[in-house]
Amino acid sequence: MTSAEFGELNDPLERLERNERQGSQAFRFVLLSVLAIVALVVAIVLIRGGVGDECADEGALCLTSDRVEVVIIPLLLSIALAITSAVKTYRRWQARIRWRPWLYATYAMWMVTTAYLLISSSAVFVQRG
């Protein structure tokens, strides 16, 4: 097999520049993903409300539809972005491009997803009082 079949560039400088871009692209992906998740949460809260509303049930949990939307919809976006990052990691690895920054981006999106699930569900569903 030749290097062209693996997507290798013959010029070492071009290969180095392509590999150097992967770190900033992965960092930008994570940063914009987190901003998109936060923007979606803010938009849902502003449009639908539900976080500060009183709950009709007297139990410890309040599961109204508005409160569920604040947790589930951004969580689905976060999961989709984490899967996208994992697919990008695999494609970079397959093309023999520097893939480790994308693996770290996948880890970061996994942690963002987990953190959002823990923070939002405890802040939205649990009633104080």
Protein backbone atom coordinates (compact mmCIF):
# COMPACT_ATOMS: atom_id res chain seq x y z
CA MET A 1 0.00 0.00 0.00
CA THR A 2 1.20 3.45 -0.78
CA SER A 3 1.05 6.45 1.46
CA ALA A 4 -1.61 8.04 -0.77
CA GLU A 5 -3.98 5.18 0.04
CA PHE A 6 -3.66 5.99 3.73
CA GLY A 7 -4.28 9.69 3.17
CA GLU A 8 -0.69 10.58 3.95
CA LEU A 9 0.70 13.77 2.54
CA ASN A 10 4.05 13.66 0.81
CA ASP A 11 5.08 17.04 2.17
CA PRO A 12 6.07 16.74 5.85
CA LEU A 13 5.22 20.40 6.52
CA GLU A 14 1.65 19.97 5.24
CA ARG A 15 1.26 16.85 7.37
CA LEU A 16 2.56 18.68 10.44
CA GLU A 17 0.24 21.64 9.85
CA ARG A 18 -2.74 19.30 9.39
CA ASN A 19 -1.90 17.47 12.60
CA GLU A 20 -1.37 20.71 14.53
CA ARG A 21 -4.86 21.91 13.59
CA GLN A 22 -6.53 18.89 15.24
CA GLY A 23 -6.00 20.14 18.78
CA SER A 24 -7.54 23.54 18.18
CA GLN A 25 -10.42 22.01 16.20
CA ALA A 26 -11.21 19.57 19.00
CA PHE A 27 -11.01 22.30 21.65
CA ARG A 28 -13.27 24.54 19.57
CA PHE A 29 -15.74 21.66 19.17
CA VAL A 30 -15.96 21.13 22.94
CA LEU A 31 -16.25 24.84 23.69
CA LEU A 32 -18.97 25.43 21.09
CA SER A 33 -20.79 22.28 22.21
CA VAL A 34 -20.91 23.46 25.81
CA LEU A 35 -22.10 26.89 24.67
CA ALA A 36 -24.82 25.27 22.52
CA ILE A 37 -26.04 23.19 25.46
CA VAL A 38 -26.14 26.23 27.76
CA ALA A 39 -27.92 28.30 25.09
CA LEU A 40 -30.51 25.56 24.63
CA VAL A 41 -31.14 25.37 28.37
CA VAL A 42 -31.55 29.15 28.60
CA ALA A 43 -33.88 29.18 25.58
CA ILE A 44 -36.05 26.41 27.01
CA VAL A 45 -36.28 28.11 30.41
CA LEU A 46 -37.11 31.49 28.84
CA ILE A 47 -39.69 30.08 26.42
CA ARG A 48 -41.32 27.34 28.47
CA GLY A 49 -40.46 28.27 32.03
CA GLY A 50 -41.13 25.54 34.53
CA VAL A 51 -38.10 25.68 36.76
CA GLY A 52 -39.48 28.10 39.33
CA ASP A 53 -43.11 26.99 39.10
CA GLU A 54 -44.79 25.43 42.07
CA CYS A 55 -45.46 21.72 41.88
CA ALA A 56 -48.92 20.30 42.56
CA ASP A 57 -47.55 17.15 44.17
CA GLU A 58 -46.44 17.19 47.78
CA GLY A 59 -43.74 14.52 47.35
CA ALA A 60 -40.01 15.00 47.24
CA LEU A 61 -39.90 14.94 43.42
CA CYS A 62 -41.66 17.27 41.01
CA LEU A 63 -41.98 15.79 37.52
CA THR A 64 -43.96 18.29 35.46
CA SER A 65 -43.53 18.33 31.68
CA ASP A 66 -41.79 21.71 31.74
CA ARG A 67 -39.24 20.47 34.22
CA VAL A 68 -38.62 17.27 32.28
CA GLU A 69 -37.99 19.26 29.09
CA VAL A 70 -35.30 21.31 30.83
CA VAL A 71 -33.41 18.10 31.61
CA ILE A 72 -34.11 15.77 28.66
CA ILE A 73 -33.78 17.96 25.56
CA PRO A 74 -30.32 19.42 26.36
CA LEU A 75 -29.24 15.98 27.57
CA LEU A 76 -30.13 14.49 24.18
CA LEU A 77 -28.16 17.26 22.45
CA SER A 78 -25.19 16.57 24.70
CA ILE A 79 -25.32 12.83 23.97
CA ALA A 80 -25.53 13.52 20.22
CA LEU A 81 -22.51 15.82 20.41
CA ALA A 82 -20.54 13.23 22.40
CA ILE A 83 -21.32 10.58 19.77
CA THR A 84 -20.32 13.03 17.03
CA SER A 85 -16.99 13.56 18.77
CA ALA A 86 -16.46 9.80 19.00
CA VAL A 87 -17.20 9.39 15.29
CA LYS A 88 -14.75 12.19 14.47
CA THR A 89 -12.14 10.41 16.60
CA TYR A 90 -12.61 7.19 14.68
CA ARG A 91 -12.48 8.93 11.31
CA ARG A 92 -9.29 10.78 12.24
CA TRP A 93 -7.73 7.51 13.44
CA GLN A 94 -8.78 5.73 10.26
CA ALA A 95 -7.28 8.49 8.09
CA ARG A 96 -4.05 8.41 10.13
CA ILE A 97 -4.48 11.96 11.29
CA ARG A 98 -3.72 12.99 14.87
CA TRP A 99 -6.75 11.61 16.68
CA ARG A 100 -5.85 12.01 20.36
CA PRO A 101 -7.25 15.54 20.70
CA TRP A 102 -10.58 14.20 19.45
CA LEU A 103 -10.42 11.37 21.97
CA TYR A 104 -9.94 13.97 24.70
CA ALA A 105 -12.87 15.91 23.23
CA THR A 106 -14.96 12.74 23.48
CA TYR A 107 -13.96 12.34 27.13
CA ALA A 108 -14.81 16.00 27.77
CA MET A 109 -18.23 15.65 26.16
CA TRP A 110 -18.86 12.53 28.22
CA MET A 111 -18.05 14.48 31.38
CA VAL A 112 -20.19 17.43 30.26
CA THR A 113 -23.11 15.06 29.65
CA THR A 114 -22.71 13.39 33.04
CA ALA A 115 -22.31 16.70 34.86
CA TYR A 116 -25.35 18.21 33.15
CA LEU A 117 -27.47 15.19 34.00
CA LEU A 118 -26.46 15.24 37.67
CA ILE A 119 -26.73 19.00 38.16
CA SER A 120 -29.90 19.59 36.17
CA SER A 121 -31.87 16.65 37.51
CA SER A 122 -31.04 17.44 41.12
CA ALA A 123 -31.70 21.17 40.67
CA VAL A 124 -34.93 20.80 38.68
CA PHE A 125 -36.69 17.73 40.06
CA VAL A 126 -36.00 17.90 43.79
CA GLN A 127 -38.31 20.13 45.80
CA ARG A 128 -36.96 22.09 48.69
CA GLY A 129 -39.09 22.50 51.69
